[in-house]
Protein backbone atom coordinates (compact mmCIF):
# COMPACT_ATOMS: atom_id res chain seq x y z
CA MET A 1 71.33 -8.57 38.21
CA GLN A 2 71.92 -9.11 34.51
CA THR A 3 72.75 -5.69 33.13
CA VAL A 4 72.10 -6.40 29.46
CA ILE A 5 69.31 -7.90 27.40
CA ARG A 6 70.27 -10.94 25.34
CA PHE A 7 68.08 -12.87 22.93
CA TYR A 8 68.23 -15.35 20.09
CA ASN A 9 68.82 -13.67 16.75
CA THR A 10 67.50 -15.76 13.85
CA LEU A 11 70.01 -13.90 11.68
CA GLY A 12 73.12 -15.83 12.67
CA ARG A 13 71.12 -18.37 14.72
CA LYS A 14 72.67 -17.53 18.07
CA GLU A 15 71.95 -15.56 21.23
CA GLU A 16 73.35 -12.02 21.14
CA GLU A 17 73.50 -8.97 23.37
CA PHE A 18 70.95 -6.38 22.34
CA ARG A 19 72.53 -3.07 21.37
CA PRO A 20 70.07 -0.62 19.79
CA LEU A 21 71.47 1.67 17.14
CA LYS A 22 70.00 4.82 18.70
CA SER A 23 68.78 5.98 22.08
CA PHE A 24 65.37 4.45 21.27
CA VAL A 25 64.44 1.05 19.86
CA ARG A 26 63.01 0.79 16.35
CA MET A 27 60.92 -2.33 15.89
CA TYR A 28 58.84 -3.73 13.02
CA VAL A 29 56.34 -6.60 13.38
CA CYS A 30 54.55 -8.12 10.41
CA GLY A 31 50.84 -7.47 10.77
CA PRO A 32 47.80 -9.40 9.51
CA THR A 33 46.39 -9.82 6.03
CA VAL A 34 42.90 -8.52 6.75
CA TYR A 35 40.51 -10.91 5.01
CA ASP A 36 39.12 -12.69 8.10
CA HIS A 37 38.95 -12.51 11.90
CA ALA A 38 42.21 -13.09 13.78
CA HIS A 39 42.76 -16.48 15.42
CA ILE A 40 44.57 -17.65 18.54
CA GLY A 41 47.78 -18.21 16.55
CA HIS A 42 47.83 -14.49 15.80
CA ALA A 43 47.22 -13.87 19.50
CA ARG A 44 50.40 -15.69 20.44
CA SER A 45 52.52 -13.64 18.09
CA TYR A 46 51.10 -10.24 18.99
CA ILE A 47 51.04 -10.96 22.74
CA PHE A 48 54.72 -11.95 22.59
CA TYR A 49 55.80 -8.83 20.70
CA ASP A 50 53.66 -6.76 23.06
CA VAL A 51 55.64 -8.22 25.99
CA VAL A 52 58.93 -7.50 24.16
CA LYS A 53 57.87 -3.88 23.79
CA ARG A 54 56.64 -3.68 27.39
CA PHE A 55 59.91 -5.09 28.72
CA LEU A 56 62.01 -2.73 26.62
CA LEU A 57 59.93 0.20 27.94
CA TYR A 58 60.36 -1.08 31.49
CA TRP A 59 64.12 -1.43 30.90
CA GLY A 60 64.22 2.28 30.11
CA TYR A 61 64.11 2.44 26.31
CA ASP A 62 61.70 4.45 24.23
CA VAL A 63 60.22 2.20 21.55
CA LEU A 64 58.97 3.07 18.08
CA MET A 65 56.97 0.08 16.89
CA VAL A 66 55.49 -0.31 13.42
CA ARG A 67 52.94 -3.04 12.65
CA ASN A 68 51.45 -3.05 9.17
CA TYR A 69 48.14 -4.05 7.62
CA THR A 70 48.17 -5.98 4.35
CA ASP A 71 44.95 -4.59 2.90
CA VAL A 72 45.44 -5.72 -0.71
CA ASP A 73 45.81 -9.43 -1.44
CA ASP A 74 44.29 -12.28 -3.46
CA LYS A 75 42.49 -13.51 -0.32
CA ILE A 76 40.86 -10.12 0.17
CA ILE A 77 39.74 -10.10 -3.48
CA LYS A 78 38.25 -13.58 -3.02
CA LYS A 79 36.43 -12.54 0.19
CA ALA A 80 35.01 -9.48 -1.59
CA LYS A 81 33.57 -11.68 -4.34
CA GLU A 82 32.06 -14.08 -1.79
CA THR A 83 30.45 -11.35 0.30
CA GLY A 84 29.52 -8.76 -2.30
CA LEU A 85 31.57 -6.12 -0.48
CA THR A 86 34.29 -4.00 -2.02
CA GLU A 87 37.88 -4.92 -1.19
CA LYS A 88 38.19 -1.76 0.90
CA GLU A 89 35.05 -2.68 2.84
CA VAL A 90 36.44 -6.16 3.50
CA ALA A 91 39.79 -4.77 4.67
CA ASP A 92 38.22 -2.06 6.84
CA LYS A 93 35.88 -4.58 8.45
CA PHE A 94 38.66 -6.93 9.48
CA ILE A 95 41.05 -4.15 10.50
CA GLU A 96 38.34 -3.01 12.92
CA SER A 97 37.89 -6.62 14.09
CA PHE A 98 41.64 -7.06 14.62
CA GLU A 99 41.96 -3.82 16.56
CA GLU A 100 39.06 -4.84 18.79
CA ASP A 101 40.82 -8.16 19.49
CA THR A 102 44.19 -6.60 20.29
CA LYS A 103 42.54 -4.01 22.54
CA ASN A 104 40.66 -6.76 24.39
CA LEU A 105 43.91 -8.72 24.80
CA LYS A 106 45.50 -5.63 26.43
CA ILE A 107 48.06 -5.27 23.64
CA LEU A 108 49.69 -1.85 23.50
CA GLU A 109 49.02 0.15 20.36
CA PRO A 110 51.96 0.37 17.93
CA GLU A 111 53.10 3.89 17.19
CA VAL A 112 52.54 3.43 13.44
CA LYS A 113 50.00 1.16 11.68
CA PRO A 114 50.60 1.63 7.94
CA LYS A 115 48.41 0.13 5.21
CA VAL A 116 49.73 -1.11 1.88
CA THR A 117 47.12 0.88 -0.06
CA ASP A 118 48.48 4.12 1.42
CA HIS A 119 52.02 3.39 0.16
CA ILE A 120 51.65 2.41 -3.49
CA GLU A 121 53.77 5.34 -4.69
CA GLU A 122 56.70 4.38 -2.45
CA ILE A 123 56.37 0.72 -3.50
CA ILE A 124 56.52 1.65 -7.19
CA GLU A 125 59.60 3.81 -6.56
CA THR A 126 61.36 0.90 -4.82
CA VAL A 127 60.51 -1.52 -7.63
CA GLU A 128 61.89 0.98 -10.15
CA ALA A 129 65.12 1.22 -8.12
CA LEU A 130 65.47 -2.57 -8.05
CA ILE A 131 65.05 -2.79 -11.85
CA LYS A 132 67.60 -0.02 -12.35
CA LYS A 133 70.14 -1.78 -10.10
CA GLY A 134 69.73 -5.09 -11.91
CA PHE A 135 67.89 -6.98 -9.16
CA ALA A 136 64.51 -7.10 -10.92
CA TYR A 137 63.12 -7.50 -14.43
CA GLN A 138 59.89 -6.80 -16.26
CA THR A 139 57.79 -9.56 -17.88
CA PRO A 140 54.42 -9.68 -19.66
CA ASP A 141 52.72 -10.45 -16.32
CA GLY A 142 54.54 -7.98 -14.09
CA VAL A 143 57.90 -7.40 -12.41
CA TYR A 144 59.96 -10.09 -10.66
CA TYR A 145 62.85 -9.99 -8.25
CA HIS A 146 65.74 -12.10 -9.57
CA VAL A 147 66.91 -14.09 -6.53
CA PRO A 148 70.34 -15.18 -7.89
CA ALA A 149 71.27 -11.49 -8.30
CA PHE A 150 71.33 -11.11 -4.50
CA ARG A 151 74.42 -12.89 -3.22
CA ASP A 152 73.30 -13.16 0.41
CA TYR A 153 69.95 -14.78 -0.34
CA GLY A 154 69.30 -17.46 2.29
CA LYS A 155 71.27 -15.85 5.11
CA LEU A 156 68.23 -15.63 7.41
CA SER A 157 67.08 -19.22 6.95
CA GLY A 158 70.65 -20.53 6.79
CA LYS A 159 70.06 -22.32 3.49
CA ASN A 160 71.43 -21.84 0.00
CA ILE A 161 69.31 -21.24 -3.10
CA GLU A 162 69.24 -24.90 -4.13
CA GLN A 163 68.12 -26.03 -0.66
CA LEU A 164 65.40 -23.37 -0.58
CA LYS A 165 64.25 -24.24 -4.09
CA SER A 166 63.74 -27.91 -3.23
CA GLY A 167 61.40 -27.15 -0.32
CA ALA A 168 59.61 -24.08 -1.63
CA ARG A 169 56.11 -23.61 -2.94
CA ILE A 170 56.94 -22.01 -6.28
CA GLU A 171 54.82 -19.16 -7.68
CA PRO A 172 53.84 -20.32 -11.18
CA SER A 173 54.80 -18.14 -14.14
CA PRO A 174 56.28 -19.06 -17.53
CA TYR A 175 58.21 -15.77 -17.57
CA LYS A 176 60.37 -16.26 -14.48
CA LYS A 177 64.13 -16.59 -14.99
CA HIS A 178 64.58 -18.68 -11.83
CA PRO A 179 62.09 -20.81 -9.84
CA LEU A 180 62.61 -18.75 -6.65
CA ASP A 181 62.08 -15.38 -8.37
CA PHE A 182 59.07 -13.66 -6.82
CA ALA A 183 56.60 -10.98 -7.85
CA LEU A 184 57.22 -7.34 -6.99
CA TRP A 185 54.36 -6.06 -9.13
CA LYS A 186 51.50 -8.14 -10.55
CA LEU A 187 49.72 -7.02 -13.70
CA THR A 188 46.03 -7.85 -13.42
CA THR A 189 42.58 -7.04 -14.68
CA GLU A 190 40.97 -8.43 -11.52
CA GLY A 191 40.33 -6.63 -8.25
CA ILE A 192 41.83 -3.38 -7.03
CA LYS A 193 44.71 -2.07 -9.16
CA TRP A 194 46.87 0.99 -9.68
CA ASP A 195 48.66 2.58 -12.61
CA SER A 196 52.38 1.87 -12.81
CA PRO A 197 55.21 2.15 -15.39
CA TRP A 198 54.56 -1.53 -16.20
CA GLY A 199 50.76 -1.36 -16.47
CA LYS A 200 47.77 -1.61 -14.13
CA GLY A 201 48.33 -3.95 -11.24
CA ARG A 202 49.05 -4.32 -7.55
CA PRO A 203 52.11 -5.02 -5.36
CA GLY A 204 53.44 -8.46 -4.56
CA TRP A 205 53.21 -9.53 -0.92
CA HIS A 206 56.86 -9.21 0.14
CA ILE A 207 57.67 -5.73 -1.17
CA GLU A 208 55.20 -3.97 1.10
CA CYS A 209 57.03 -4.76 4.37
CA SER A 210 60.45 -3.81 2.96
CA VAL A 211 59.05 -0.44 1.91
CA MET A 212 56.94 0.43 4.95
CA SER A 213 59.50 -0.69 7.56
CA THR A 214 62.34 1.36 6.08
CA LEU A 215 60.06 4.33 5.39
CA TYR A 216 59.10 4.68 9.06
CA LEU A 217 62.15 3.24 10.81
CA GLY A 218 65.03 3.99 8.48
CA ILE A 219 67.68 1.46 7.52
CA PRO A 220 69.09 -0.38 9.31
CA PHE A 221 66.65 -0.62 12.23
CA ASP A 222 66.84 -2.70 15.38
CA ILE A 223 64.27 -5.51 15.59
CA HIS A 224 62.13 -7.29 13.00
CA GLY A 225 59.62 -9.83 14.29
CA GLY A 226 57.02 -12.31 13.14
CA GLY A 227 55.98 -15.96 13.26
CA GLU A 228 58.51 -18.64 12.35
CA ASP A 229 56.48 -19.48 9.24
CA LEU A 230 57.55 -16.08 7.84
CA ILE A 231 61.30 -16.79 7.90
CA PHE A 232 61.04 -18.16 4.37
CA PRO A 233 60.01 -16.86 1.98
CA HIS A 234 58.60 -13.61 3.39
CA HIS A 235 61.41 -12.37 5.61
CA GLU A 236 64.12 -13.77 3.37
CA ASN A 237 62.57 -11.81 0.50
CA GLU A 238 62.21 -8.67 2.60
CA ILE A 239 65.95 -8.71 3.26
CA ALA A 240 66.77 -9.28 -0.42
CA GLN A 241 64.58 -6.37 -1.53
CA ALA A 242 65.58 -3.84 1.14
CA GLU A 243 69.32 -4.51 1.07
CA ALA A 244 69.44 -4.53 -2.74
CA ALA A 245 67.48 -1.26 -2.93
CA HIS A 246 69.39 0.61 -0.21
CA GLY A 247 72.81 -1.06 -0.21
CA LYS A 248 72.68 -1.39 3.59
CA LYS A 249 71.88 -4.01 6.19
CA PHE A 250 68.10 -4.21 6.67
CA ALA A 251 67.55 -5.11 10.35
CA ASN A 252 70.03 -6.09 13.07
CA TYR A 253 67.93 -8.55 15.09
CA TRP A 254 65.27 -11.02 13.96
CA LEU A 255 62.80 -12.58 16.38
CA HIS A 256 60.46 -15.44 15.44
CA ASN A 257 57.81 -17.06 17.61
CA GLY A 258 56.72 -20.70 17.36
CA PHE A 259 53.38 -22.11 16.24
CA VAL A 260 50.22 -22.71 18.23
CA LYS A 261 49.09 -26.33 18.13
CA ILE A 262 45.58 -27.56 18.87
CA LYS A 263 45.35 -31.23 19.87
CA GLY A 264 48.92 -31.75 18.75
CA GLU A 265 48.49 -30.30 15.26
CA LYS A 266 49.38 -26.90 13.85
CA MET A 267 46.28 -24.76 13.63
CA SER A 268 45.05 -24.42 10.05
CA LYS A 269 41.79 -23.90 8.20
CA SER A 270 42.28 -27.10 6.20
CA LEU A 271 42.24 -29.11 9.45
CA GLY A 272 39.24 -27.19 10.74
CA ASN A 273 40.93 -26.41 14.07
CA VAL A 274 41.12 -22.62 13.81
CA TRP A 275 40.05 -20.93 17.04
CA LEU A 276 39.18 -17.25 16.71
CA ILE A 277 40.34 -14.77 19.34
CA LYS A 278 36.76 -13.52 19.65
CA ASP A 279 35.52 -16.99 20.52
CA ALA A 280 38.34 -17.59 23.01
CA LEU A 281 37.52 -14.31 24.77
CA LYS A 282 33.93 -15.47 25.30
CA ILE A 283 35.27 -18.22 27.58
CA TYR A 284 38.56 -16.93 28.98
CA SER A 285 39.73 -13.54 30.20
CA PRO A 286 42.46 -11.59 28.37
CA GLN A 287 44.79 -12.28 31.31
CA GLU A 288 44.16 -16.03 31.12
CA ILE A 289 44.90 -16.08 27.39
CA ARG A 290 48.03 -13.98 27.89
CA TYR A 291 49.20 -16.27 30.70
CA THR A 292 48.69 -19.34 28.51
CA MET A 293 50.71 -17.85 25.65
CA LEU A 294 53.52 -16.78 27.97
CA SER A 295 53.71 -20.12 29.79
CA SER A 296 55.83 -21.59 26.96
CA HIS A 297 59.04 -20.08 25.63
CA TYR A 298 58.27 -17.98 22.57
CA ARG A 299 60.56 -20.01 20.28
CA SER A 300 58.85 -23.29 21.18
CA PRO A 301 55.52 -24.49 19.83
CA ILE A 302 52.69 -24.17 22.32
CA HIS A 303 50.00 -26.82 22.68
CA ILE A 304 46.63 -25.37 23.61
CA ASP A 305 43.95 -27.52 25.21
CA GLU A 306 41.23 -27.18 27.82
CA GLU A 307 43.46 -28.50 30.61
CA LYS A 308 46.16 -25.90 29.92
CA LEU A 309 43.64 -23.07 29.82
CA LYS A 310 42.01 -24.20 33.07
CA ALA A 311 45.43 -24.27 34.72
CA SER A 312 46.02 -20.73 33.46
CA SER A 313 42.68 -19.62 34.90
CA SER A 314 43.61 -20.98 38.33
CA ALA A 315 47.06 -19.42 38.18
CA VAL A 316 45.77 -15.98 37.18
CA LYS A 317 43.09 -16.09 39.86
CA ARG A 318 45.65 -16.95 42.53
CA ILE A 319 48.10 -14.24 41.41
CA LYS A 320 45.35 -11.63 41.28
CA GLU A 321 44.03 -12.50 44.76
CA VAL A 322 47.48 -12.29 46.34
CA PHE A 323 48.37 -9.06 44.53
CA ASP A 324 45.06 -7.52 45.64
CA ASP A 325 45.72 -8.56 49.25
CA LEU A 326 49.21 -7.07 49.17
CA LEU A 327 48.06 -3.83 47.54
CA ASN A 328 45.80 -3.21 50.52
CA LEU A 329 48.78 -3.18 52.87
CA LYS A 330 50.54 0.01 53.80
CA VAL A 331 53.84 0.41 51.95
CA GLU A 332 56.46 0.73 54.66
CA PRO A 333 60.20 1.21 53.99
CA GLY A 334 60.98 0.10 57.55
CA THR A 335 59.90 -3.51 57.11
CA PRO A 336 62.38 -6.15 58.33
CA GLU A 337 65.61 -6.10 56.34
CA SER A 338 65.46 -9.85 55.78
CA LEU A 339 62.04 -9.44 54.16
CA GLN A 340 63.33 -6.69 51.87
CA GLU A 341 66.30 -8.81 50.82
CA VAL A 342 64.09 -11.73 49.79
CA VAL A 343 61.76 -9.48 47.78
CA ASN A 344 64.77 -7.83 46.13
CA GLU A 345 65.81 -11.26 44.91
CA PHE A 346 62.38 -11.77 43.29
CA VAL A 347 62.73 -8.48 41.40
CA GLU A 348 66.23 -9.34 40.22
CA ARG A 349 65.37 -12.90 39.19
CA PHE A 350 62.31 -11.73 37.25
CA ASN A 351 64.41 -9.18 35.37
CA GLU A 352 67.13 -11.75 34.71
CA ALA A 353 64.59 -14.18 33.25
CA MET A 354 63.13 -11.56 30.94
CA ALA A 355 66.56 -10.26 29.89
CA ASP A 356 67.60 -13.82 29.02
CA ASP A 357 65.87 -14.29 25.65
CA PHE A 358 62.50 -13.11 27.00
CA ASN A 359 62.13 -16.27 29.09
CA THR A 360 58.52 -15.76 30.18
CA PRO A 361 58.05 -19.30 31.63
CA ARG A 362 60.95 -18.66 34.02
CA ALA A 363 59.58 -15.20 34.82
CA LEU A 364 56.19 -16.73 35.65
CA SER A 365 57.91 -19.25 37.90
CA VAL A 366 59.41 -16.33 39.85
CA VAL A 367 55.93 -14.78 40.10
CA HIS A 368 54.57 -17.99 41.64
CA GLU A 369 57.44 -18.15 44.13
CA PHE A 370 56.62 -14.58 45.12
CA VAL A 371 52.94 -15.52 45.54
CA ASN A 372 53.93 -18.43 47.78
CA PHE A 373 56.10 -16.08 49.85
CA ALA A 374 53.34 -13.46 50.15
CA PRO A 375 51.96 -14.80 53.49
CA GLU A 376 55.24 -13.71 55.12
CA ILE A 377 54.62 -10.18 53.88
CA LEU A 378 50.95 -10.28 54.90
CA LYS A 379 51.98 -11.47 58.36
CA SER A 380 54.07 -8.33 58.80
CA ARG A 381 51.00 -6.19 57.96
CA THR A 382 53.20 -3.81 55.93
CA MET A 383 54.59 -4.10 52.44
CA PRO A 384 58.22 -3.39 51.49
CA PRO A 385 58.52 -0.90 48.60
CA GLN A 386 60.34 -3.66 46.68
CA ALA A 387 57.21 -5.82 46.81
CA LEU A 388 55.14 -3.01 45.30
CA GLU A 389 57.83 -2.62 42.63
CA PHE A 390 57.62 -6.34 41.85
CA ILE A 391 53.85 -6.29 41.52
CA GLU A 392 53.91 -3.22 39.27
CA THR A 393 56.67 -4.77 37.14
CA VAL A 394 54.70 -7.98 36.59
CA LYS A 395 51.60 -6.00 35.69
CA LYS A 396 53.44 -3.67 33.31
CA VAL A 397 55.60 -6.29 31.58
CA LEU A 398 53.40 -9.39 31.37
CA GLY A 399 49.91 -7.90 31.54
CA ILE A 400 48.56 -11.02 33.27
CA VAL A 401 46.64 -9.21 36.01
CA PRO A 402 44.05 -6.47 35.59
CA GLU A 403 45.65 -3.04 35.36
CA LYS A 404 43.22 -1.47 37.84
CA PRO A 405 43.53 -2.80 41.39
CA LYS A 406 40.63 -2.84 43.81
CA ALA A 407 40.10 0.27 45.88
CA ILE A 408 42.80 0.86 48.46
CA LEU A 409 41.90 2.64 51.67
CA LYS A 410 44.50 5.36 52.29
CA ASP A 411 43.08 7.18 55.34
CA GLU A 412 45.45 6.14 58.16
CA ARG A 413 42.98 6.66 61.04
CA THR A 414 40.33 4.51 59.32
CA ARG A 415 42.89 1.79 58.60
CA LYS A 416 43.93 1.74 62.27
CA LEU A 417 40.28 1.56 63.35
CA ILE A 418 39.63 -1.44 61.09
CA ASP A 419 42.81 -3.13 62.35
CA LEU A 420 41.59 -2.57 65.94
CA ILE A 421 38.15 -4.02 65.12
CA LEU A 422 39.84 -7.09 63.63
CA LYS A 423 41.88 -7.56 66.81
CA VAL A 424 38.63 -7.50 68.82
CA ARG A 425 37.15 -10.02 66.37
CA GLU A 426 40.23 -12.27 66.76
CA ASN A 427 39.82 -12.24 70.55
CA LEU A 428 36.17 -13.24 70.11
CA ARG A 429 37.20 -16.11 67.85
CA HIS A 430 39.79 -17.31 70.38
CA ARG A 431 37.02 -17.34 73.01
CA LYS A 432 34.91 -19.33 70.48
CA ASP A 433 32.31 -16.54 70.29
CA TYR A 434 31.92 -17.15 66.56
CA GLU A 435 28.43 -15.63 66.39
CA THR A 436 29.67 -12.16 67.43
CA ALA A 437 32.81 -12.52 65.30
CA ASP A 438 30.66 -13.34 62.26
CA PHE A 439 28.38 -10.39 63.09
CA ILE A 440 31.43 -8.06 62.92
CA ARG A 441 32.64 -9.67 59.67
CA ASP A 442 29.22 -9.36 57.99
CA ASN A 443 28.76 -5.73 59.04
CA LEU A 444 32.22 -4.79 57.83
CA LYS A 445 31.41 -6.51 54.54
CA SER A 446 28.27 -4.39 54.17
CA LEU A 447 30.50 -1.34 54.53
CA GLY A 448 32.78 -2.56 51.73
CA VAL A 449 35.49 -4.19 53.88
CA GLU A 450 36.18 -7.80 52.89
CA ILE A 451 37.92 -10.02 55.48
CA LYS A 452 39.90 -13.15 54.73
CA ASP A 453 41.01 -15.41 57.59
CA THR A 454 44.46 -16.90 57.00
CA PRO A 455 46.77 -19.12 59.12
CA SER A 456 48.83 -16.02 59.92
CA GLY A 457 45.80 -13.96 60.92
CA PRO A 458 43.01 -12.02 59.19
CA ILE A 459 43.68 -9.68 56.27
CA TRP A 460 41.25 -7.20 54.83
CA LYS A 461 40.71 -5.19 51.67
CA MET A 462 38.18 -2.82 50.20
CA LYS A 463 35.72 -4.37 47.77
């Protein structure tokens, strides 16, 4: 079994062994700007980082995860004007909506969920420090970070300043010293604003994550994650701000997930192909959506269509049925050694797949091989402890089957009685007395015992 976790670090653009700085993992994931309902692209990102956290917990680490809310932004101001709500009302509404979505998708709660509006004082202090150290300057419309002052700018994206400048969407301002300079504090008379040494205004977008991540996780911390569209400028700017302010490396490992594509095109409002999580959950279960998102490697784009989702539905249904059947078997350490060895291999291969750059497609392939092997376990009428371990691992790490299994009958005498009744029923079937056999099946069903006839014999479970 692979004894270490390795994954692709965007910083350096290579796969590296994961070595947390402390006995627990400190992880920051960029959260949503709360001006609208979350869409399926958000679902991919947050499901992936949920699985990262779940796997790290399974591997034995404690995890401190921070995921922020951007609750002050031009888009929120615009939504407030359109709806007649205050900016706080808009933000609170869509924070509640987002939390409902993540709960429905079975995403574990982060340990800290900071809001920008609760950290204005710390943001102002960081901006002051950047001015004092010569990395930022005041203008008539606010405060800007001076990109050329930070020598390592571009190290995350692997591009130099000139390359980044040629492909960037430049924030317009006649007061900027360099085209790539970006706002740390915006002076404004519009929308929500706070007093500052430079006048009434609000923070720029990038400064918030630098401040909140280091405030709750320290510097440096272990993992910073987000969608690949955040590499530049957002994450590049986060690094420039945090490392200039603190004089230390910001984060050791950077993870970035690929885009969701609908009908071959990146999902965007301008194309009219945005699919809300709420709408997806009206058609598909949380497990089916999770399965779909995990069926492609996180660094690759994923193409969502009806055919893919239907395939996910069938796969989840099959996995759930087999897991339920197995969970109704008695766990027996004395099962044949050959059976235990095969199941051990499934556990090891699943762990190896996940420890190898969180390769969820390969892990799912192992799950399907286990499902195909399950009849051999069912035939033995007892389950090796390793099989139970495998099932629990898949449930804990991937979250693609319901957490609560169907009722399992634990009274040994009742189990033996049902097994005996099934043997009588099998004899009746062999004698082609199907009427009596069906009578037994139907009466057991009325008592909550569901029978499934398989090529290797009948199996039963409690409904």
